[in-house]
Structures are given as C-alpha cells and as structure tokens.
Amino acid sequence: MSSFATPTPFVAIACGGTGGHLFPGLAIAGQLQQRGCSVALLISPKEVDQQAVTSATGMAIVTLPAVALQDRNYFSFGRSFWQSWRAAKSFFQARPPQAVLAMGGFTGAPPILAGNAFGAKTFLHESNTIPGRANRFLSRFVNTAFVGFPETAARLKARRVVTTGTPVRPQFSMPQNPAAHGAVGPAPAQCRVALGLDPDRPTILVMGGSQGASGLNEMVLSALPLLAQKNWQWLHLTGANDFEKVKASYATRKVKAVVKPFLAEMDWALGAATASVSRSGASSLAEIAALRLPSLLVPYPAAADNHQFFNARAFENTGAARLLEQKKSAPETVAALVTGLVEDASARAGIQSSLAQWDAPAAAQQIAGIILETIAQPAAATRAPAKKCRCGHAHGPAKPAH
C-alpha cells in the first residue's frame, strides 16, 4: 500500500450578503465536510452573516470587506471589490483551493476571480429565476453553474448549467423534521408549544425576510379586522422596525399572536404553521417546498429585476402557491386568500401535492458531488460546453464530458 495520503480537497464558498445566499451555502458546506473536504466560508461584514456562521463548526471563516452597489455609489463598490479580491487572493496564497463556489450576491465575484488565478475549478449557484448581476457576470468564468429553477439556465452564459434546485439546511428535510411532507403526528404541536403558541389552533406565519418586511406587515394588519374573529393564532416576524407597532395591533384586537423581530429557528416556525404569508425569495421558497407549507406569496416589489415576482409566478403556475402582488393587496383579497389556505382542505391538499415538485432534498449532495467530480477531472475535461438538467441530458452544441 502506498504511504502517500490523498490530499484533502479544499473548497472555498462565497455565500455572504443575505440569508438567501448563506443558508444554501451552509448546506453545501456541510455536505462537503461529510465527504472529507476542508471548507472555508467567505462572507461579508453584515450582521446576518456573522450570526449565521456561528453554527458552522470546523470551517474557516473569512470576512471580506465587500459592500453591495447601492444608490449608484460606484466608488465605494469598486473599492470594496478591489479590497475583497486582494483579501481572497491573500487567503488563497496560504492555501490554494481546489474549488471555489459563489452563491450569488456581492461577495461572490472577487473569490471566483481570485480562485481562477490559482487554477481552482469554479462554480456558482443561482437560486432565483432571474439571475442577479453578480452571477450574470460570473457565469462566463466558471466551470459549472447550478440553478434552482430550470428556466434560469437560458439566462446564464456558463459552459455547463445543471438544474439542482436550491439546497436547504438539514433540519428542513426528512427525517430530521417529521412535519415535512405533510406527515401526521405531534411535530406541528411541538413546534407551536416551543414557540409559545397553542398546540391545537391553526397558525398563520407571516415572514417578510431580512428586507422588505414593512409592506407585508402593513398588508396583514390591514386585513386583520376581517380575520380577528377566526379561531386562529399568528406567528409574525416583523423585522426590526415594525415590531412594536405590529405587536400592539394584535394586542388591541385581542388576537393570539407571538410577534418577534427575527427568529433563528425557522424550521420551528414553518413546522408550526398551517399556512404562511411570505415574500418569495428563493431560499424561503425552497424551505416552504421542503415542508409542504401552503403559502400566499407576496413578492417584494423592490427586488432586483423583480425576481421575486417571477419566483412566485413559477410556483403559482404549477399550483404550488397563491400569488398576490402587493399593489393589488386589498384587505378583502388578503383575507379571502388566507382563509382559503387555512380552511379549504381540498385546496390545501392540492398545493401540498404541487409543492413536491419544487422540493430538492438532494440538492446539496448533488452540488457537492459535481464539485468533487470536477476537481478529480483533468483540466481539459471541464471545458466542454454543455447544459445539463436534472434528467441528465445535455443541452447545447456539445455533449457533456464523461
């Protein structure tokens, strides 16, 4: 037997900026760790990033001085891009990675470009129907792009595109969460009790995400007078700014509600819910699909390229959710749609059945496997232009390399 050990693959994952980038990245990182890889997470200085990675054990954490492009502040963005590229390059000089994966957003481009300089195989994951600017730019520089929605493939210029779905953390899939897949049993009641709710009442979850919660809060509060007499209870995640106002509104109408600015245990929140009123970021949709939660999707109207609308429309077109644009959200409409999700057993069953097609429980495993296969291939084998979907067929002018 040879006395030389096989080097441990080292993979860097750029996944900062929002929970929608972080949590899928953490799911892939966990799978890579299970397969014997060393993993580094490259994140932004934002508080959501710093808090999320506290649960990432055994991984290197690198904070890049990256900032998003806001209000046409090109100077600050360009300076942070340059500084982030230098920071990633300096980190990679100490230990060059075999692969770099970008999960989208403003932290992704500098590590991919730095990784290419060190000969790393490079990848990106795009979870939305409409790719973000960073991923549109990066797609021409990576070996493989992974996408959450099949229609996204045509919008990227990558050599190879694989439809994987969007990874979710292990607690959102079976068997860790018995509430998933419409399973019967004590799990929803246990989730409700853990959150301070009545174990037996229908529960409506309201979640606006890390941005854009205020419009959703106003919409729900405007419909509350029409729903206050229902024997329901509410779990309302308000964001930082509206917490006191929303809490007071439920108290004034004597409606049973647990109101929180944020909640880290989102698996408990979705597990407790009978239905949800939610924005339609791709990561949230992946978790909704995993737990088969009937939902009213209200896209964040200020999202880049209106991508949340197109995410929600893909779910609505397949019967997996109800879609309501915020500008059309009259109180009577909101009340009727939420009532249908809670009280119409046939509609609920149809939605839960349709959500199954959007559940991708093996997405993180699939992505980790392709990354390791690509690392193991000689360089020439990764250059073949091909687009590949879940069915395994290649789409494009050439067949995929084997």
Protein backbone atom coordinates (compact mmCIF):
# COMPACT_ATOMS: atom_id res chain seq x y z
CA MET A 1 0.00 0.00 0.00
CA SER A 2 1.27 3.48 -0.82
CA SER A 3 2.48 5.55 2.11
CA PHE A 4 1.32 8.77 0.41
CA ALA A 5 -2.06 10.07 1.58
CA THR A 6 -4.50 11.66 -0.84
CA PRO A 7 -4.56 15.43 -0.21
CA THR A 8 -7.72 16.69 1.44
CA PRO A 9 -9.73 18.76 -1.08
CA PHE A 10 -10.09 22.38 -0.03
CA VAL A 11 -13.23 24.24 -1.20
CA ALA A 12 -13.98 27.91 -0.63
CA ILE A 13 -17.64 29.02 -0.63
CA ALA A 14 -18.54 32.71 -1.04
CA CYS A 15 -22.01 32.92 0.47
CA GLY A 16 -22.47 36.24 2.23
CA GLY A 17 -24.83 39.17 1.98
CA THR A 18 -28.28 37.69 2.75
CA GLY A 19 -29.73 34.59 4.34
CA GLY A 20 -30.79 33.51 0.84
CA HIS A 21 -27.13 33.11 -0.08
CA LEU A 22 -25.83 31.99 3.30
CA PHE A 23 -28.12 29.12 4.21
CA PRO A 24 -27.88 27.20 0.92
CA GLY A 25 -24.12 27.72 1.08
CA LEU A 26 -24.00 26.29 4.58
CA ALA A 27 -25.98 23.25 3.42
CA ILE A 28 -23.44 22.57 0.65
CA ALA A 29 -20.55 23.18 3.03
CA GLY A 30 -21.93 20.54 5.38
CA GLN A 31 -22.13 18.00 2.57
CA LEU A 32 -18.55 18.73 1.50
CA GLN A 33 -17.38 18.28 5.07
CA GLN A 34 -19.13 14.92 5.27
CA ARG A 35 -17.18 13.87 2.16
CA GLY A 36 -13.84 14.70 3.76
CA CYS A 37 -13.26 18.22 2.41
CA SER A 38 -11.85 21.21 4.19
CA VAL A 39 -14.17 24.19 3.74
CA ALA A 40 -13.78 27.95 4.07
CA LEU A 41 -16.75 30.34 4.12
CA LEU A 42 -16.16 33.79 2.65
CA ILE A 43 -18.75 36.23 3.97
CA SER A 44 -19.48 39.94 4.30
CA PRO A 45 -19.28 42.06 7.46
CA LYS A 46 -23.10 42.22 7.69
CA GLU A 47 -24.61 41.10 10.99
CA VAL A 48 -26.74 38.40 9.31
CA ASP A 49 -23.54 36.79 8.00
CA GLN A 50 -21.66 36.99 11.26
CA GLN A 51 -24.54 35.47 13.23
CA ALA A 52 -25.30 32.70 10.73
CA VAL A 53 -21.76 31.30 10.66
CA THR A 54 -21.58 30.84 14.43
CA SER A 55 -23.12 27.41 13.85
CA ALA A 56 -20.50 26.47 11.21
CA THR A 57 -18.10 24.22 13.10
CA GLY A 58 -14.78 23.09 11.69
CA MET A 59 -14.81 25.62 8.85
CA ALA A 60 -12.52 28.58 8.23
CA ILE A 61 -14.40 31.88 8.25
CA VAL A 62 -13.07 34.78 6.17
CA THR A 63 -14.79 38.17 6.23
CA LEU A 64 -14.36 40.13 3.02
CA PRO A 65 -14.77 43.94 3.04
CA ALA A 66 -17.49 43.65 0.39
CA VAL A 67 -20.42 46.04 0.05
CA ALA A 68 -23.36 45.97 -2.33
CA LEU A 69 -23.80 48.54 -5.08
CA GLN A 70 -26.39 50.95 -3.68
CA ASP A 71 -27.54 54.39 -4.79
CA ARG A 72 -25.05 54.32 -7.68
CA ASN A 73 -22.15 54.55 -5.25
CA TYR A 74 -19.71 53.08 -7.74
CA PHE A 75 -16.62 54.35 -5.92
CA SER A 76 -17.40 52.52 -2.65
CA PHE A 77 -18.44 49.41 -4.53
CA GLY A 78 -15.32 49.40 -6.71
CA ARG A 79 -13.01 49.98 -3.75
CA SER A 80 -14.61 47.16 -1.74
CA PHE A 81 -14.46 44.86 -4.78
CA TRP A 82 -10.73 45.50 -5.15
CA GLN A 83 -10.13 45.05 -1.42
CA SER A 84 -12.17 41.83 -1.38
CA TRP A 85 -10.24 40.44 -4.34
CA ARG A 86 -6.95 41.20 -2.58
CA ALA A 87 -8.20 39.64 0.66
CA ALA A 88 -9.34 36.48 -1.15
CA LYS A 89 -6.08 36.27 -3.08
CA SER A 90 -4.05 36.67 0.11
CA PHE A 91 -6.07 33.92 1.81
CA PHE A 92 -5.69 31.59 -1.17
CA GLN A 93 -1.91 32.17 -1.28
CA ALA A 94 -1.59 30.47 2.10
CA ARG A 95 -3.66 27.51 0.91
CA PRO A 96 -4.80 27.44 -2.72
CA PRO A 97 -8.31 25.96 -3.07
CA GLN A 98 -9.14 23.18 -5.49
CA ALA A 99 -12.59 24.72 -5.99
CA VAL A 100 -14.42 28.00 -5.35
CA LEU A 101 -18.23 28.21 -5.27
CA ALA A 102 -20.15 31.51 -5.33
CA MET A 103 -23.72 31.51 -4.06
CA GLY A 104 -24.65 34.87 -5.63
CA GLY A 105 -24.53 38.43 -4.41
CA PHE A 106 -21.76 40.96 -4.00
CA THR A 107 -19.39 38.65 -2.09
CA GLY A 108 -19.18 36.15 -4.96
CA ALA A 109 -17.16 37.74 -7.76
CA PRO A 110 -13.83 38.54 -6.03
CA PRO A 111 -13.26 34.97 -4.74
CA ILE A 112 -14.15 33.43 -8.12
CA LEU A 113 -11.70 35.69 -9.95
CA ALA A 114 -9.03 35.08 -7.31
CA GLY A 115 -9.68 31.33 -7.46
CA ASN A 116 -9.26 31.31 -11.24
CA ALA A 117 -5.85 32.93 -10.77
CA PHE A 118 -4.81 29.95 -8.63
CA GLY A 119 -6.12 27.35 -11.07
CA ALA A 120 -9.14 26.40 -8.97
CA LYS A 121 -12.25 24.88 -10.55
CA THR A 122 -15.00 27.45 -10.16
CA PHE A 123 -18.77 27.22 -9.73
CA LEU A 124 -21.79 29.36 -8.97
CA HIS A 125 -25.30 28.71 -7.71
CA GLU A 126 -28.20 30.89 -8.83
CA SER A 127 -31.32 30.27 -6.77
CA ASN A 128 -33.69 32.77 -8.45
CA THR A 129 -35.49 32.61 -11.77
CA ILE A 130 -33.84 35.89 -12.83
CA PRO A 131 -30.08 35.76 -12.18
CA GLY A 132 -28.51 38.53 -10.16
CA ARG A 133 -25.95 40.89 -11.69
CA ALA A 134 -23.02 39.19 -9.98
CA ASN A 135 -23.94 35.76 -11.29
CA ARG A 136 -24.67 37.04 -14.78
CA PHE A 137 -21.17 38.49 -14.82
CA LEU A 138 -19.53 35.43 -13.28
CA SER A 139 -21.29 32.79 -15.37
CA ARG A 140 -18.84 33.08 -18.28
CA PHE A 141 -15.86 32.46 -15.96
CA VAL A 142 -16.99 29.29 -14.14
CA ASN A 143 -16.76 25.61 -14.97
CA THR A 144 -20.37 24.89 -13.95
CA ALA A 145 -23.42 26.91 -12.91
CA PHE A 146 -26.05 25.32 -10.67
CA VAL A 147 -29.59 26.72 -10.83
CA GLY A 148 -32.70 26.44 -8.70
CA PHE A 149 -35.24 26.97 -11.50
CA PRO A 150 -34.97 25.25 -14.91
CA GLU A 151 -35.80 28.44 -16.83
CA THR A 152 -32.74 30.18 -15.34
CA ALA A 153 -30.33 28.12 -17.48
CA ALA A 154 -31.03 30.12 -20.63
CA ARG A 155 -30.21 33.37 -18.83
CA LEU A 156 -26.62 32.39 -17.94
CA LYS A 157 -23.64 32.17 -20.28
CA ALA A 158 -21.92 29.34 -18.44
CA ARG A 159 -20.26 26.47 -20.28
CA ARG A 160 -22.35 24.00 -18.31
CA VAL A 161 -25.58 24.51 -16.36
CA VAL A 162 -27.12 21.92 -14.04
CA THR A 163 -30.60 22.30 -12.54
CA THR A 164 -30.30 21.13 -8.94
CA GLY A 165 -32.91 23.10 -7.04
CA THR A 166 -31.91 25.24 -4.06
CA PRO A 167 -30.30 23.49 -1.08
CA VAL A 168 -31.94 23.72 2.32
CA ARG A 169 -30.41 23.08 5.72
CA PRO A 170 -30.82 19.51 7.05
CA GLN A 171 -33.44 20.50 9.62
CA PHE A 172 -35.86 21.37 6.80
CA SER A 173 -35.92 17.88 5.32
CA MET A 174 -36.96 14.41 6.39
CA PRO A 175 -36.31 12.61 8.63
CA GLN A 176 -34.99 15.43 10.81
CA ASN A 177 -38.32 17.28 10.71
CA PRO A 178 -41.34 14.95 10.81
CA ALA A 179 -43.60 17.89 9.90
CA ALA A 180 -42.22 17.76 6.38
CA HIS A 181 -44.09 16.13 3.52
CA GLY A 182 -47.44 16.57 5.23
CA ALA A 183 -46.61 13.89 7.80
CA VAL A 184 -49.08 13.41 10.59
CA GLY A 185 -48.03 13.28 14.21
CA PRO A 186 -47.06 15.57 17.07
CA ALA A 187 -44.47 17.69 15.23
CA PRO A 188 -46.63 20.80 14.48
CA ALA A 189 -47.95 20.83 18.04
CA GLN A 190 -44.43 20.50 19.43
CA CYS A 191 -43.22 23.38 17.25
CA ARG A 192 -46.11 25.57 18.43
CA VAL A 193 -45.53 24.85 22.11
CA ALA A 194 -41.81 25.57 21.73
CA LEU A 195 -42.70 28.99 20.29
CA GLY A 196 -45.27 29.85 22.96
CA LEU A 197 -48.33 29.05 20.84
CA ASP A 198 -51.43 26.95 21.44
CA PRO A 199 -50.67 23.42 20.17
CA ASP A 200 -54.10 22.90 18.57
CA ARG A 201 -55.01 26.20 16.89
CA PRO A 202 -54.49 26.87 13.17
CA THR A 203 -51.37 29.02 12.93
CA ILE A 204 -50.55 31.68 10.33
CA LEU A 205 -46.88 32.50 9.84
CA VAL A 206 -46.04 35.96 8.46
CA MET A 207 -42.43 36.45 7.31
CA GLY A 208 -41.03 39.31 5.30
CA GLY A 209 -37.39 38.29 5.21
CA SER A 210 -34.39 40.43 6.06
CA GLN A 211 -35.64 43.28 3.85
CA GLY A 212 -38.99 44.44 2.61
CA ALA A 213 -40.97 43.37 5.68
CA SER A 214 -42.75 46.70 6.23
CA GLY A 215 -45.05 46.45 3.21
CA LEU A 216 -46.01 42.90 4.15
CA ASN A 217 -46.68 43.94 7.75
CA GLU A 218 -49.00 46.75 6.64
CA MET A 219 -50.85 44.40 4.30
CA VAL A 220 -51.52 41.82 7.02
CA LEU A 221 -52.52 44.43 9.60
CA SER A 222 -54.99 45.97 7.15
CA ALA A 223 -56.68 42.57 6.75
CA LEU A 224 -56.59 41.72 10.44
CA PRO A 225 -60.01 43.29 11.28
CA LEU A 226 -61.60 40.86 8.80
CA LEU A 227 -59.84 37.86 10.37
CA ALA A 228 -59.81 38.74 14.07
CA GLN A 229 -62.85 36.58 14.88
CA LYS A 230 -61.25 33.44 13.48
CA ASN A 231 -60.05 30.87 15.98
CA TRP A 232 -56.54 31.27 14.65
CA GLN A 233 -53.23 32.34 16.07
CA TRP A 234 -50.36 34.19 14.42
CA LEU A 235 -46.58 33.94 14.39
CA HIS A 236 -45.47 37.24 12.93
CA LEU A 237 -41.81 38.01 12.16
CA THR A 238 -41.77 41.76 11.68
CA GLY A 239 -38.18 42.80 11.04
CA ALA A 240 -36.54 45.37 13.32
CA ASN A 241 -38.54 48.49 12.52
CA ASP A 242 -42.18 47.42 12.92
CA PHE A 243 -42.01 45.16 15.97
CA GLU A 244 -43.75 47.43 18.50
CA LYS A 245 -46.42 48.59 16.05
CA VAL A 246 -47.33 45.06 14.94
CA LYS A 247 -47.34 43.69 18.48
CA ALA A 248 -49.67 46.49 19.59
CA SER A 249 -52.07 45.84 16.69
CA TYR A 250 -52.60 42.21 17.70
CA ALA A 251 -52.97 43.18 21.36
CA THR A 252 -55.55 45.88 20.55
CA ARG A 253 -57.73 43.35 18.73
CA LYS A 254 -57.10 40.67 21.37
CA VAL A 255 -55.77 38.27 18.73
CA LYS A 256 -53.48 35.48 19.92
CA ALA A 257 -50.05 36.17 18.40
CA VAL A 258 -46.36 35.65 19.00
CA VAL A 259 -44.59 38.63 17.47
CA LYS A 260 -40.81 38.69 17.04
CA PRO A 261 -38.43 40.93 15.08
CA PHE A 262 -36.48 37.88 13.89
CA LEU A 263 -36.34 34.16 14.58
CA ALA A 264 -33.30 31.97 14.06
CA GLU A 265 -35.25 28.70 14.36
CA MET A 266 -37.11 28.99 11.07
CA ASP A 267 -37.60 25.24 10.88
CA TRP A 268 -39.74 25.52 14.04
CA ALA A 269 -41.65 28.47 12.58
CA LEU A 270 -42.52 26.70 9.33
CA GLY A 271 -43.16 23.46 11.17
CA ALA A 272 -45.70 25.21 13.43
CA ALA A 273 -47.58 26.89 10.58
CA THR A 274 -50.84 25.87 8.97
CA ALA A 275 -50.22 28.46 6.23
CA SER A 276 -47.84 31.32 5.62
CA VAL A 277 -47.86 34.81 4.16
CA SER A 278 -44.37 35.30 2.79
CA ARG A 279 -42.08 37.13 0.45
CA SER A 280 -40.77 34.94 -2.36
CA GLY A 281 -37.03 34.85 -2.07
CA ALA A 282 -35.72 31.58 -3.49
CA SER A 283 -34.32 30.22 -0.23
CA SER A 284 -37.64 30.81 1.56
CA LEU A 285 -39.48 29.07 -1.28
CA ALA A 286 -37.15 26.07 -1.04
CA GLU A 287 -37.92 25.76 2.67
CA ILE A 288 -41.67 26.17 2.05
CA ALA A 289 -41.49 23.39 -0.54
CA ALA A 290 -39.49 21.12 1.75
CA LEU A 291 -42.13 21.42 4.49
CA ARG A 292 -45.12 21.43 2.08
CA LEU A 293 -46.48 24.65 3.59
CA PRO A 294 -49.45 26.24 1.76
CA SER A 295 -48.49 29.88 1.27
CA LEU A 296 -49.66 33.23 -0.01
CA LEU A 297 -46.62 34.70 -1.77
CA VAL A 298 -46.34 38.49 -1.90
CA PRO A 299 -43.22 39.38 -3.89
CA TYR A 300 -41.03 42.20 -2.61
CA PRO A 301 -41.74 44.85 -5.26
CA ALA A 302 -38.30 46.49 -4.98
CA ALA A 303 -36.33 43.27 -5.54
CA ALA A 304 -33.69 43.49 -8.26
CA ASP A 305 -35.17 42.78 -11.71
CA ASN A 306 -38.45 41.99 -9.91
CA HIS A 307 -37.04 38.49 -9.44
CA GLN A 308 -39.31 37.64 -6.50
CA PHE A 309 -42.36 38.06 -8.72
CA PHE A 310 -41.01 35.58 -11.25
CA ASN A 311 -40.08 33.14 -8.46
CA ALA A 312 -43.62 33.33 -7.10
CA ARG A 313 -45.18 33.04 -10.54
CA ALA A 314 -43.28 29.81 -11.19
CA PHE A 315 -44.82 28.36 -8.01
CA GLU A 316 -48.28 29.71 -8.82
CA ASN A 317 -48.18 28.36 -12.38
CA THR A 318 -47.66 24.86 -11.04
CA GLY A 319 -50.35 25.14 -8.35
CA ALA A 320 -47.76 25.22 -5.54
CA ALA A 321 -48.80 28.57 -4.00
CA ARG A 322 -51.10 31.56 -4.26
CA LEU A 323 -49.60 34.78 -5.66
CA LEU A 324 -50.69 38.30 -4.74
CA GLU A 325 -48.86 41.42 -5.85
CA GLN A 326 -48.53 43.98 -3.07
CA LYS A 327 -50.10 46.76 -5.16
CA LYS A 328 -53.23 44.62 -5.53
CA SER A 329 -53.49 43.54 -1.90
CA ALA A 330 -56.85 44.94 -0.79
CA PRO A 331 -57.76 43.75 2.73
CA GLU A 332 -60.72 41.73 1.44
CA THR A 333 -58.49 39.94 -1.08
CA VAL A 334 -55.85 39.11 1.52
CA ALA A 335 -58.47 37.84 3.98
CA ALA A 336 -60.13 35.63 1.35
CA LEU A 337 -56.86 34.11 0.15
CA VAL A 338 -55.56 33.35 3.64
CA THR A 339 -58.91 31.88 4.68
CA GLY A 340 -58.82 29.56 1.68
CA LEU A 341 -55.32 28.36 2.58
CA VAL A 342 -56.39 27.54 6.13
CA GLU A 343 -59.96 26.29 5.75
CA ASP A 344 -60.23 24.74 2.26
CA ALA A 345 -58.95 21.20 2.78
CA SER A 346 -59.06 20.34 -0.92
CA ALA A 347 -57.07 23.44 -1.90
CA ARG A 348 -54.52 22.74 0.82
CA ALA A 349 -54.04 19.17 -0.37
CA GLY A 350 -53.59 20.31 -3.97
CA ILE A 351 -50.97 22.89 -3.02
CA GLN A 352 -49.07 20.41 -0.86
CA SER A 353 -49.05 17.89 -3.68
CA SER A 354 -47.78 20.50 -6.13
CA LEU A 355 -45.04 21.65 -3.75
CA ALA A 356 -43.43 18.21 -4.04
CA GLN A 357 -42.03 19.05 -7.49
CA TRP A 358 -40.16 22.04 -6.03
CA ASP A 359 -38.61 20.06 -3.19
CA ALA A 360 -34.98 19.20 -3.94
CA PRO A 361 -33.81 17.29 -0.85
CA ALA A 362 -30.65 16.06 -2.60
CA ALA A 363 -29.57 19.47 -3.99
CA ALA A 364 -26.68 19.98 -1.59
CA GLN A 365 -25.46 16.40 -2.09
CA GLN A 366 -25.71 16.76 -5.88
CA ILE A 367 -23.76 20.01 -5.93
CA ALA A 368 -21.06 18.66 -3.60
CA GLY A 369 -20.74 15.55 -5.76
CA ILE A 370 -20.32 17.51 -9.00
CA ILE A 371 -17.72 19.79 -7.40
CA LEU A 372 -15.65 16.79 -6.28
CA GLU A 373 -16.04 15.04 -9.65
CA THR A 374 -14.85 18.18 -11.42
CA ILE A 375 -11.86 18.55 -9.11
CA ALA A 376 -10.87 14.99 -9.98
CA GLN A 377 -11.05 15.56 -13.75
CA PRO A 378 -8.10 16.76 -15.82
CA ALA A 379 -8.38 20.40 -16.87
CA ALA A 380 -9.33 19.67 -20.50
CA ALA A 381 -12.31 17.58 -19.41
CA THR A 382 -14.01 20.55 -17.76
CA ARG A 383 -14.05 22.77 -20.85
CA ALA A 384 -16.75 21.00 -22.88
CA PRO A 385 -19.70 23.36 -23.45
CA ALA A 386 -22.87 21.68 -22.25
CA LYS A 387 -26.04 22.48 -20.38
CA LYS A 388 -27.48 19.74 -18.28
CA CYS A 389 -30.77 19.40 -16.45
CA ARG A 390 -31.99 17.04 -13.76
CA CYS A 391 -32.85 14.42 -16.32
CA GLY A 392 -29.15 14.05 -17.15
CA HIS A 393 -29.49 15.17 -20.78
CA ALA A 394 -27.09 17.69 -22.23
CA HIS A 395 -28.47 20.85 -23.82
CA GLY A 396 -26.21 22.79 -26.14
CA PRO A 397 -23.87 22.33 -29.07
CA ALA A 398 -21.77 19.60 -27.47
CA LYS A 399 -22.27 16.58 -25.28
CA PRO A 400 -21.03 16.81 -21.69
CA ALA A 401 -17.68 15.32 -20.84
CA HIS A 402 -17.73 11.95 -19.14
